[in-house]
Amino acid sequence: MLGGAAWLYIPKGYEPGRGHASVLMLHDDFQDGEDFLEDTKFAAIADRDNLVLIAPNDEINIYGQAWVDEDDLESAIGAYKSLQRELCLDPDRLYGLGHALGGRALEYLSCEFEFAAIATTATRRRPDLALCEPQPPVPYLMISGKQDGYAPIEGGENCNEVDHPLSRSLADKEEVYRTFNGCGEARASTTLRGGTCTEWKNCEERFVSCVADGGREWPNVGYKSWASNEKRQKCVGSNNKFPFRETVGKFFRTAGAN
């Protein structure tokens, strides 16, 4: 841990003085950077692909939310910048992984900071989803849960106990990022264990949208204790068998292959 600001994982193949790829990992509420590292088990991918993992902590606001203002976003990218020279991190190989509110934060950060690729899971599709456009476009893997009551793929009301704006549909968000990434309308789908991934063709940068058959519990940080009543459990959805970790790792490895 770095001064209470971030958790760090150094891969087994790390060599001092050699440029290394890294992943900025942004947690959801009800968790911190340590939880996110532990429950995603992304260290296995880091060891295989020689990735330095940086998981900043964000203080939860009075509404129980993380990464909701500019100071939060600056602290997230600041955690990376503070380590870049010390660990010899290659700025051209910075990836981002965010869950729920952490994914939303990555979408904003990608408009101001250049990532090699980003991946998000269970990220709500708010009405203001087109507030900013990444320039240049960023390769994007978006994973949604078919049974996720907090970010329903059909859009509309979510089952949160806090009053939030209505969600946009998954199809709406796909159209926004298809346009951002300069993709044509042609696409191809691949069936995986526990879900389906769709990739658009003829893109400036890759755009892939996966729908897992289950809910939002990967990574299940905080949800086991928080989703203790029947309503919350229904919102979270059933257990996912989708290969989240492997799908994200493969996307990062092949992000430049349009």
C-alpha atoms as a PDB file:
ATOM      1  CA  MET A   1       0.000   0.000   0.000  1.00  0.00           C
ATOM      2  CA  LEU A   2       1.206   3.508  -0.844  1.00  0.00           C
ATOM      3  CA  GLY A   3       0.563   6.035   1.897  1.00  0.00           C
ATOM      4  CA  GLY A   4      -3.080   5.062   2.232  1.00  0.00           C
ATOM      5  CA  ALA A   5      -3.794   6.304  -1.308  1.00  0.00           C
ATOM      6  CA  ALA A   6      -3.517   3.131  -3.404  1.00  0.00           C
ATOM      7  CA  TRP A   7      -2.816  -0.579  -3.364  1.00  0.00           C
ATOM      8  CA  LEU A   8      -0.136  -1.941  -5.638  1.00  0.00           C
ATOM      9  CA  TYR A   9       0.633  -5.354  -7.124  1.00  0.00           C
ATOM     10  CA  ILE A  10       4.033  -6.005  -8.728  1.00  0.00           C
ATOM     11  CA  PRO A  11       4.036  -8.991 -11.134  1.00  0.00           C
ATOM     12  CA  LYS A  12       6.462 -11.842 -10.636  1.00  0.00           C
ATOM     13  CA  GLY A  13       8.278 -11.003 -13.874  1.00  0.00           C
ATOM     14  CA  TYR A  14       8.892  -7.360 -13.005  1.00  0.00           C
ATOM     15  CA  GLU A  15      12.373  -6.089 -13.956  1.00  0.00           C
ATOM     16  CA  PRO A  16      13.528  -2.714 -12.530  1.00  0.00           C
ATOM     17  CA  GLY A  17      14.464  -0.217 -15.217  1.00  0.00           C
ATOM     18  CA  ARG A  18      12.445  -1.912 -17.944  1.00  0.00           C
ATOM     19  CA  GLY A  19       9.287  -0.227 -19.276  1.00  0.00           C
ATOM     20  CA  HIS A  20       6.196  -2.002 -17.921  1.00  0.00           C
ATOM     21  CA  ALA A  21       2.526  -1.988 -18.813  1.00  0.00           C
ATOM     22  CA  SER A  22       0.123  -1.146 -15.997  1.00  0.00           C
ATOM     23  CA  VAL A  23      -3.570  -1.293 -15.115  1.00  0.00           C
ATOM     24  CA  LEU A  24      -5.390   1.429 -13.176  1.00  0.00           C
ATOM     25  CA  MET A  25      -8.158  -0.381 -11.257  1.00  0.00           C
ATOM     26  CA  LEU A  26     -11.081   1.677  -9.921  1.00  0.00           C
ATOM     27  CA  HIS A  27     -13.400   0.110  -7.345  1.00  0.00           C
ATOM     28  CA  ASP A  28     -17.132   0.604  -6.767  1.00  0.00           C
ATOM     29  CA  ASP A  29     -18.706   1.815  -3.535  1.00  0.00           C
ATOM     30  CA  PHE A  30     -18.802  -0.599  -0.552  1.00  0.00           C
ATOM     31  CA  GLN A  31     -15.166  -1.440  -1.284  1.00  0.00           C
ATOM     32  CA  ASP A  32     -11.635  -0.083  -1.606  1.00  0.00           C
ATOM     33  CA  GLY A  33      -8.579  -0.758  -3.736  1.00  0.00           C
ATOM     34  CA  GLU A  34      -7.464  -3.711  -1.635  1.00  0.00           C
ATOM     35  CA  ASP A  35     -10.872  -5.393  -1.996  1.00  0.00           C
ATOM     36  CA  PHE A  36     -10.874  -4.817  -5.725  1.00  0.00           C
ATOM     37  CA  LEU A  37      -7.440  -6.390  -6.182  1.00  0.00           C
ATOM     38  CA  GLU A  38      -8.349  -9.367  -4.010  1.00  0.00           C
ATOM     39  CA  ASP A  39     -11.799 -10.169  -5.359  1.00  0.00           C
ATOM     40  CA  THR A  40     -11.013  -9.735  -9.055  1.00  0.00           C
ATOM     41  CA  LYS A  41      -8.043 -12.095  -8.686  1.00  0.00           C
ATOM     42  CA  PHE A  42      -6.499 -10.018 -11.465  1.00  0.00           C
ATOM     43  CA  ALA A  43      -3.026 -10.707 -10.095  1.00  0.00           C
ATOM     44  CA  ALA A  44      -3.092 -13.974 -12.042  1.00  0.00           C
ATOM     45  CA  ILE A  45      -3.469 -11.994 -15.274  1.00  0.00           C
ATOM     46  CA  ALA A  46      -0.793  -9.538 -14.103  1.00  0.00           C
ATOM     47  CA  ASP A  47       1.722 -12.347 -13.533  1.00  0.00           C
ATOM     48  CA  ARG A  48       0.983 -13.902 -16.913  1.00  0.00           C
ATOM     49  CA  ASP A  49       1.128 -10.635 -18.897  1.00  0.00           C
ATOM     50  CA  ASN A  50       3.648  -8.766 -16.709  1.00  0.00           C
ATOM     51  CA  LEU A  51       1.281  -5.957 -15.660  1.00  0.00           C
ATOM     52  CA  VAL A  52       1.730  -3.623 -12.693  1.00  0.00           C
ATOM     53  CA  LEU A  53      -1.643  -3.182 -10.943  1.00  0.00           C
ATOM     54  CA  ILE A  54      -2.551   0.123  -9.268  1.00  0.00           C
ATOM     55  CA  ALA A  55      -5.785   0.225  -7.264  1.00  0.00           C
ATOM     56  CA  PRO A  56      -6.422   3.652  -5.690  1.00  0.00           C
ATOM     57  CA  ASN A  57      -8.723   4.143  -2.723  1.00  0.00           C
ATOM     58  CA  ASP A  58     -11.516   6.704  -2.872  1.00  0.00           C
ATOM     59  CA  GLU A  59     -13.443   7.997   0.114  1.00  0.00           C
ATOM     60  CA  ILE A  60     -17.157   7.246  -0.093  1.00  0.00           C
ATOM     61  CA  ASN A  61     -19.393  10.323  -0.030  1.00  0.00           C
ATOM     62  CA  ILE A  62     -22.481  10.788   2.158  1.00  0.00           C
ATOM     63  CA  TYR A  63     -24.588   8.973  -0.431  1.00  0.00           C
ATOM     64  CA  GLY A  64     -22.355   5.907  -0.307  1.00  0.00           C
ATOM     65  CA  GLN A  65     -20.816   6.611  -3.712  1.00  0.00           C
ATOM     66  CA  ALA A  66     -17.246   6.637  -5.018  1.00  0.00           C
ATOM     67  CA  TRP A  67     -15.472   8.611  -7.756  1.00  0.00           C
ATOM     68  CA  VAL A  68     -18.155  11.282  -8.119  1.00  0.00           C
ATOM     69  CA  ASP A  69     -16.248  14.566  -8.500  1.00  0.00           C
ATOM     70  CA  GLU A  70     -13.170  16.020 -10.182  1.00  0.00           C
ATOM     71  CA  ASP A  71     -11.011  15.692  -7.067  1.00  0.00           C
ATOM     72  CA  ASP A  72     -11.740  11.963  -7.009  1.00  0.00           C
ATOM     73  CA  LEU A  73     -10.711  11.584 -10.638  1.00  0.00           C
ATOM     74  CA  GLU A  74      -7.551  13.626 -10.130  1.00  0.00           C
ATOM     75  CA  SER A  75      -6.561  11.439  -7.186  1.00  0.00           C
ATOM     76  CA  ALA A  76      -7.073   8.318  -9.288  1.00  0.00           C
ATOM     77  CA  ILE A  77      -4.816   9.445 -12.107  1.00  0.00           C
ATOM     78  CA  GLY A  78      -2.447  11.003  -9.553  1.00  0.00           C
ATOM     79  CA  ALA A  79      -1.849   7.542  -8.072  1.00  0.00           C
ATOM     80  CA  TYR A  80      -0.606   6.416 -11.480  1.00  0.00           C
ATOM     81  CA  LYS A  81       1.528   9.485 -12.127  1.00  0.00           C
ATOM     82  CA  SER A  82       3.224   9.203  -8.734  1.00  0.00           C
ATOM     83  CA  LEU A  83       4.439   5.706  -9.643  1.00  0.00           C
ATOM     84  CA  GLN A  84       5.180   6.169 -13.326  1.00  0.00           C
ATOM     85  CA  ARG A  85       8.840   7.180 -13.013  1.00  0.00           C
ATOM     86  CA  GLU A  86       9.588   5.144  -9.882  1.00  0.00           C
ATOM     87  CA  LEU A  87       8.408   1.865 -11.422  1.00  0.00           C
ATOM     88  CA  CYS A  88       9.336   2.718 -15.013  1.00  0.00           C
ATOM     89  CA  LEU A  89       5.736   2.456 -16.271  1.00  0.00           C
ATOM     90  CA  ASP A  90       5.246   2.790 -20.017  1.00  0.00           C
ATOM     91  CA  PRO A  91       2.701   5.626 -20.591  1.00  0.00           C
ATOM     92  CA  ASP A  92       1.703   4.070 -23.919  1.00  0.00           C
ATOM     93  CA  ARG A  93       0.632   0.874 -22.163  1.00  0.00           C
ATOM     94  CA  LEU A  94      -1.683   2.142 -19.447  1.00  0.00           C
ATOM     95  CA  TYR A  95      -4.935   0.154 -19.234  1.00  0.00           C
ATOM     96  CA  GLY A  96      -8.005   0.819 -17.119  1.00  0.00           C
ATOM     97  CA  LEU A  97     -10.404  -1.566 -15.355  1.00  0.00           C
ATOM     98  CA  GLY A  98     -13.402  -0.236 -13.448  1.00  0.00           C
ATOM     99  CA  HIS A  99     -16.426  -1.779 -11.760  1.00  0.00           C
ATOM    100  CA  ALA A 100     -19.754   0.112 -11.589  1.00  0.00           C
ATOM    101  CA  LEU A 101     -18.946   3.661 -10.382  1.00  0.00           C
ATOM    102  CA  GLY A 102     -15.276   2.919 -10.998  1.00  0.00           C
ATOM    103  CA  GLY A 103     -16.153   2.123 -14.607  1.00  0.00           C
ATOM    104  CA  ARG A 104     -18.070   5.351 -14.918  1.00  0.00           C
ATOM    105  CA  ALA A 105     -15.007   7.214 -13.655  1.00  0.00           C
ATOM    106  CA  LEU A 106     -12.836   5.498 -16.283  1.00  0.00           C
ATOM    107  CA  GLU A 107     -15.178   6.663 -19.038  1.00  0.00           C
ATOM    108  CA  TYR A 108     -14.630  10.255 -17.903  1.00  0.00           C
ATOM    109  CA  LEU A 109     -10.880   9.815 -17.436  1.00  0.00           C
ATOM    110  CA  SER A 110     -10.534   8.431 -20.961  1.00  0.00           C
ATOM    111  CA  CYS A 111     -11.733  11.806 -22.278  1.00  0.00           C
ATOM    112  CA  GLU A 112      -8.765  13.601 -20.712  1.00  0.00           C
ATOM    113  CA  PHE A 113      -6.079  10.935 -20.282  1.00  0.00           C
ATOM    114  CA  GLU A 114      -4.923   8.536 -22.967  1.00  0.00           C
ATOM    115  CA  PHE A 115      -5.373   4.833 -22.141  1.00  0.00           C
ATOM    116  CA  ALA A 116      -4.213   1.937 -24.302  1.00  0.00           C
ATOM    117  CA  ALA A 117      -7.621   0.356 -23.576  1.00  0.00           C
ATOM    118  CA  ILE A 118     -10.326   0.346 -20.899  1.00  0.00           C
ATOM    119  CA  ALA A 119     -12.722  -2.310 -19.630  1.00  0.00           C
ATOM    120  CA  THR A 120     -15.762  -1.776 -17.415  1.00  0.00           C
ATOM    121  CA  THR A 121     -18.194  -4.084 -15.654  1.00  0.00           C
ATOM    122  CA  ALA A 122     -21.702  -3.293 -14.333  1.00  0.00           C
ATOM    123  CA  THR A 123     -21.426   0.394 -15.234  1.00  0.00           C
ATOM    124  CA  ARG A 124     -24.760   2.199 -15.192  1.00  0.00           C
ATOM    125  CA  ARG A 125     -25.917   3.981 -18.325  1.00  0.00           C
ATOM    126  CA  ARG A 126     -26.934   7.398 -17.045  1.00  0.00           C
ATOM    127  CA  PRO A 127     -28.880   9.908 -19.188  1.00  0.00           C
ATOM    128  CA  ASP A 128     -25.715  12.031 -19.508  1.00  0.00           C
ATOM    129  CA  LEU A 129     -23.671   9.163 -20.977  1.00  0.00           C
ATOM    130  CA  ALA A 130     -22.387  11.366 -23.827  1.00  0.00           C
ATOM    131  CA  LEU A 131     -21.002  14.202 -21.684  1.00  0.00           C
ATOM    132  CA  CYS A 132     -17.534  13.686 -23.123  1.00  0.00           C
ATOM    133  CA  GLU A 133     -15.983  11.950 -26.098  1.00  0.00           C
ATOM    134  CA  PRO A 134     -12.543  10.289 -25.829  1.00  0.00           C
ATOM    135  CA  GLN A 135     -10.051  12.032 -28.120  1.00  0.00           C
ATOM    136  CA  PRO A 136      -8.431  10.032 -29.562  1.00  0.00           C
ATOM    137  CA  PRO A 137     -10.887   7.119 -29.350  1.00  0.00           C
ATOM    138  CA  VAL A 138      -9.996   4.397 -26.848  1.00  0.00           C
ATOM    139  CA  PRO A 139     -10.420   0.621 -27.285  1.00  0.00           C
ATOM    140  CA  TYR A 140     -13.339  -0.249 -24.996  1.00  0.00           C
ATOM    141  CA  LEU A 141     -14.639  -3.533 -23.578  1.00  0.00           C
ATOM    142  CA  MET A 142     -17.973  -3.105 -21.811  1.00  0.00           C
ATOM    143  CA  ILE A 143     -19.444  -6.012 -19.805  1.00  0.00           C
ATOM    144  CA  SER A 144     -23.049  -5.934 -18.560  1.00  0.00           C
ATOM    145  CA  GLY A 145     -25.150  -8.414 -16.567  1.00  0.00           C
ATOM    146  CA  LYS A 146     -28.462  -9.618 -17.958  1.00  0.00           C
ATOM    147  CA  GLN A 147     -29.850  -9.913 -14.403  1.00  0.00           C
ATOM    148  CA  ASP A 148     -28.313  -6.701 -13.065  1.00  0.00           C
ATOM    149  CA  GLY A 149     -31.171  -4.732 -11.505  1.00  0.00           C
ATOM    150  CA  TYR A 150     -29.015  -1.676 -10.868  1.00  0.00           C
ATOM    151  CA  ALA A 151     -28.055  -1.220 -14.512  1.00  0.00           C
ATOM    152  CA  PRO A 152     -30.933  -2.921 -16.395  1.00  0.00           C
ATOM    153  CA  ILE A 153     -29.938  -3.607 -19.977  1.00  0.00           C
ATOM    154  CA  GLU A 154     -33.357  -2.492 -21.228  1.00  0.00           C
ATOM    155  CA  GLY A 155     -32.962   0.858 -19.440  1.00  0.00           C
ATOM    156  CA  GLY A 156     -35.543   2.647 -17.310  1.00  0.00           C
ATOM    157  CA  GLU A 157     -35.925   2.404 -13.547  1.00  0.00           C
ATOM    158  CA  ASN A 158     -33.345   0.586 -11.494  1.00  0.00           C
ATOM    159  CA  CYS A 159     -33.979  -1.116  -8.189  1.00  0.00           C
ATOM    160  CA  ASN A 160     -31.662   1.058  -6.101  1.00  0.00           C
ATOM    161  CA  GLU A 161     -33.063   2.318  -2.801  1.00  0.00           C
ATOM    162  CA  VAL A 162     -31.579   5.751  -3.596  1.00  0.00           C
ATOM    163  CA  ASP A 163     -33.347   7.916  -6.178  1.00  0.00           C
ATOM    164  CA  HIS A 164     -31.154   7.948  -9.300  1.00  0.00           C
ATOM    165  CA  PRO A 165     -31.827   9.148 -12.853  1.00  0.00           C
ATOM    166  CA  LEU A 166     -33.322   6.544 -15.172  1.00  0.00           C
ATOM    167  CA  SER A 167     -30.796   4.348 -16.932  1.00  0.00           C
ATOM    168  CA  ARG A 168     -30.356   4.493 -20.675  1.00  0.00           C
ATOM    169  CA  SER A 169     -30.614   1.156 -22.439  1.00  0.00           C
ATOM    170  CA  LEU A 170     -27.552  -0.893 -23.295  1.00  0.00           C
ATOM    171  CA  ALA A 171     -28.408  -0.434 -26.996  1.00  0.00           C
ATOM    172  CA  ASP A 172     -28.258   3.363 -26.544  1.00  0.00           C
ATOM    173  CA  LYS A 173     -24.830   3.195 -24.927  1.00  0.00           C
ATOM    174  CA  GLU A 174     -23.538   0.796 -27.561  1.00  0.00           C
ATOM    175  CA  GLU A 175     -24.579   3.266 -30.251  1.00  0.00           C
ATOM    176  CA  VAL A 176     -22.764   6.123 -28.495  1.00  0.00           C
ATOM    177  CA  TYR A 177     -19.464   4.232 -28.226  1.00  0.00           C
ATOM    178  CA  ARG A 178     -19.820   2.717 -31.692  1.00  0.00           C
ATOM    179  CA  THR A 179     -19.919   6.301 -32.976  1.00  0.00           C
ATOM    180  CA  PHE A 180     -17.091   7.460 -30.676  1.00  0.00           C
ATOM    181  CA  ASN A 181     -14.845   4.647 -31.936  1.00  0.00           C
ATOM    182  CA  GLY A 182     -15.672   5.206 -35.597  1.00  0.00           C
ATOM    183  CA  CYS A 183     -17.178   1.754 -36.114  1.00  0.00           C
ATOM    184  CA  GLY A 184     -19.403   0.655 -38.970  1.00  0.00           C
ATOM    185  CA  GLU A 185     -22.761  -0.966 -38.330  1.00  0.00           C
ATOM    186  CA  ALA A 186     -21.515  -4.492 -39.073  1.00  0.00           C
ATOM    187  CA  ARG A 187     -20.805  -6.634 -36.028  1.00  0.00           C
ATOM    188  CA  ALA A 188     -20.133 -10.231 -35.048  1.00  0.00           C
ATOM    189  CA  SER A 189     -21.102 -12.104 -31.890  1.00  0.00           C
ATOM    190  CA  THR A 190     -19.237 -14.842 -30.045  1.00  0.00           C
ATOM    191  CA  THR A 191     -20.797 -17.136 -27.462  1.00  0.00           C
ATOM    192  CA  LEU A 192     -18.698 -17.703 -24.345  1.00  0.00           C
ATOM    193  CA  ARG A 193     -19.367 -19.670 -21.190  1.00  0.00           C
ATOM    194  CA  GLY A 194     -22.169 -17.784 -19.440  1.00  0.00           C
ATOM    195  CA  GLY A 195     -22.657 -14.997 -21.964  1.00  0.00           C
ATOM    196  CA  THR A 196     -22.154 -13.432 -25.378  1.00  0.00           C
ATOM    197  CA  CYS A 197     -19.708 -10.824 -26.723  1.00  0.00           C
ATOM    198  CA  THR A 198     -20.391  -8.596 -29.724  1.00  0.00           C
ATOM    199  CA  GLU A 199     -17.603  -6.771 -31.582  1.00  0.00           C
ATOM    200  CA  TRP A 200     -18.235  -4.025 -34.106  1.00  0.00           C
ATOM    201  CA  LYS A 201     -16.300  -4.012 -37.383  1.00  0.00           C
ATOM    202  CA  ASN A 202     -14.344  -1.384 -39.319  1.00  0.00           C
ATOM    203  CA  CYS A 203     -13.540   0.687 -36.223  1.00  0.00           C
ATOM    204  CA  GLU A 204     -10.887   3.315 -35.625  1.00  0.00           C
ATOM    205  CA  GLU A 205     -10.470   1.617 -32.251  1.00  0.00           C
ATOM    206  CA  ARG A 206     -12.026  -1.630 -31.041  1.00  0.00           C
ATOM    207  CA  PHE A 207     -15.401  -1.671 -29.321  1.00  0.00           C
ATOM    208  CA  VAL A 208     -16.732  -4.863 -27.721  1.00  0.00           C
ATOM    209  CA  SER A 209     -19.899  -5.235 -25.659  1.00  0.00           C
ATOM    210  CA  CYS A 210     -20.429  -8.431 -23.651  1.00  0.00           C
ATOM    211  CA  VAL A 211     -23.614  -9.494 -21.849  1.00  0.00           C
ATOM    212  CA  ALA A 212     -23.170 -12.029 -19.053  1.00  0.00           C
ATOM    213  CA  ASP A 213     -26.128 -14.265 -18.226  1.00  0.00           C
ATOM    214  CA  GLY A 214     -25.953 -13.455 -14.503  1.00  0.00           C
ATOM    215  CA  GLY A 215     -25.951 -10.261 -12.439  1.00  0.00           C
ATOM    216  CA  ARG A 216     -23.405  -7.734 -11.164  1.00  0.00           C
ATOM    217  CA  GLU A 217     -21.557  -9.671  -8.476  1.00  0.00           C
ATOM    218  CA  TRP A 218     -18.198  -9.848 -10.271  1.00  0.00           C
ATOM    219  CA  PRO A 219     -16.117  -8.779  -8.625  1.00  0.00           C
ATOM    220  CA  ASN A 220     -18.328  -9.500  -5.629  1.00  0.00           C
ATOM    221  CA  VAL A 221     -16.626  -6.905  -3.429  1.00  0.00           C
ATOM    222  CA  GLY A 222     -18.935  -5.881  -0.617  1.00  0.00           C
ATOM    223  CA  TYR A 223     -22.046  -7.352  -2.180  1.00  0.00           C
ATOM    224  CA  LYS A 224     -22.208 -10.490  -0.054  1.00  0.00           C
ATOM    225  CA  SER A 225     -22.697  -8.533   3.164  1.00  0.00           C
ATOM    226  CA  TRP A 226     -24.506  -5.561   1.637  1.00  0.00           C
ATOM    227  CA  ALA A 227     -27.033  -7.625  -0.386  1.00  0.00           C
ATOM    228  CA  SER A 228     -28.347  -9.323   2.721  1.00  0.00           C
ATOM    229  CA  ASN A 229     -32.046  -8.669   2.194  1.00  0.00           C
ATOM    230  CA  GLU A 230     -34.210 -10.200  -0.521  1.00  0.00           C
ATOM    231  CA  LYS A 231     -34.715  -6.979  -2.501  1.00  0.00           C
ATOM    232  CA  ARG A 232     -31.023  -6.204  -2.708  1.00  0.00           C
ATOM    233  CA  GLN A 233     -30.159  -9.777  -3.619  1.00  0.00           C
ATOM    234  CA  LYS A 234     -32.653  -9.644  -6.484  1.00  0.00           C
ATOM    235  CA  CYS A 235     -31.019  -6.436  -7.688  1.00  0.00           C
ATOM    236  CA  VAL A 236     -27.549  -7.975  -7.659  1.00  0.00           C
ATOM    237  CA  GLY A 237     -28.707 -11.035  -9.614  1.00  0.00           C
ATOM    238  CA  SER A 238     -27.579 -14.635  -9.678  1.00  0.00           C
ATOM    239  CA  ASN A 239     -24.078 -16.046  -9.776  1.00  0.00           C
ATOM    240  CA  ASN A 240     -22.142 -15.373 -12.959  1.00  0.00           C
ATOM    241  CA  LYS A 241     -20.173 -18.039 -14.791  1.00  0.00           C
ATOM    242  CA  PHE A 242     -18.897 -15.570 -17.355  1.00  0.00           C
ATOM    243  CA  PRO A 243     -15.066 -15.568 -17.712  1.00  0.00           C
ATOM    244  CA  PHE A 244     -14.640 -11.918 -16.707  1.00  0.00           C
ATOM    245  CA  ARG A 245     -10.976 -12.002 -15.759  1.00  0.00           C
ATOM    246  CA  GLU A 246      -9.858 -13.934 -18.838  1.00  0.00           C
ATOM    247  CA  THR A 247     -11.979 -11.809 -21.202  1.00  0.00           C
ATOM    248  CA  VAL A 248     -10.555  -8.555 -19.847  1.00  0.00           C
ATOM    249  CA  GLY A 249      -6.982  -9.901 -19.945  1.00  0.00           C
ATOM    250  CA  LYS A 250      -7.339 -11.030 -23.565  1.00  0.00           C
ATOM    251  CA  PHE A 251      -8.820  -7.675 -24.583  1.00  0.00           C
ATOM    252  CA  PHE A 252      -5.903  -5.794 -23.071  1.00  0.00           C
ATOM    253  CA  ARG A 253      -3.416  -8.083 -24.861  1.00  0.00           C
ATOM    254  CA  THR A 254      -5.094  -7.590 -28.239  1.00  0.00           C
ATOM    255  CA  ALA A 255      -6.480  -4.054 -27.884  1.00  0.00           C
ATOM    256  CA  GLY A 256      -4.556  -2.752 -30.878  1.00  0.00           C
ATOM    257  CA  ALA A 257      -5.886  -5.440 -33.232  1.00  0.00           C
ATOM    258  CA  ASN A 258      -8.773  -3.761 -35.074  1.00  0.00           C
END
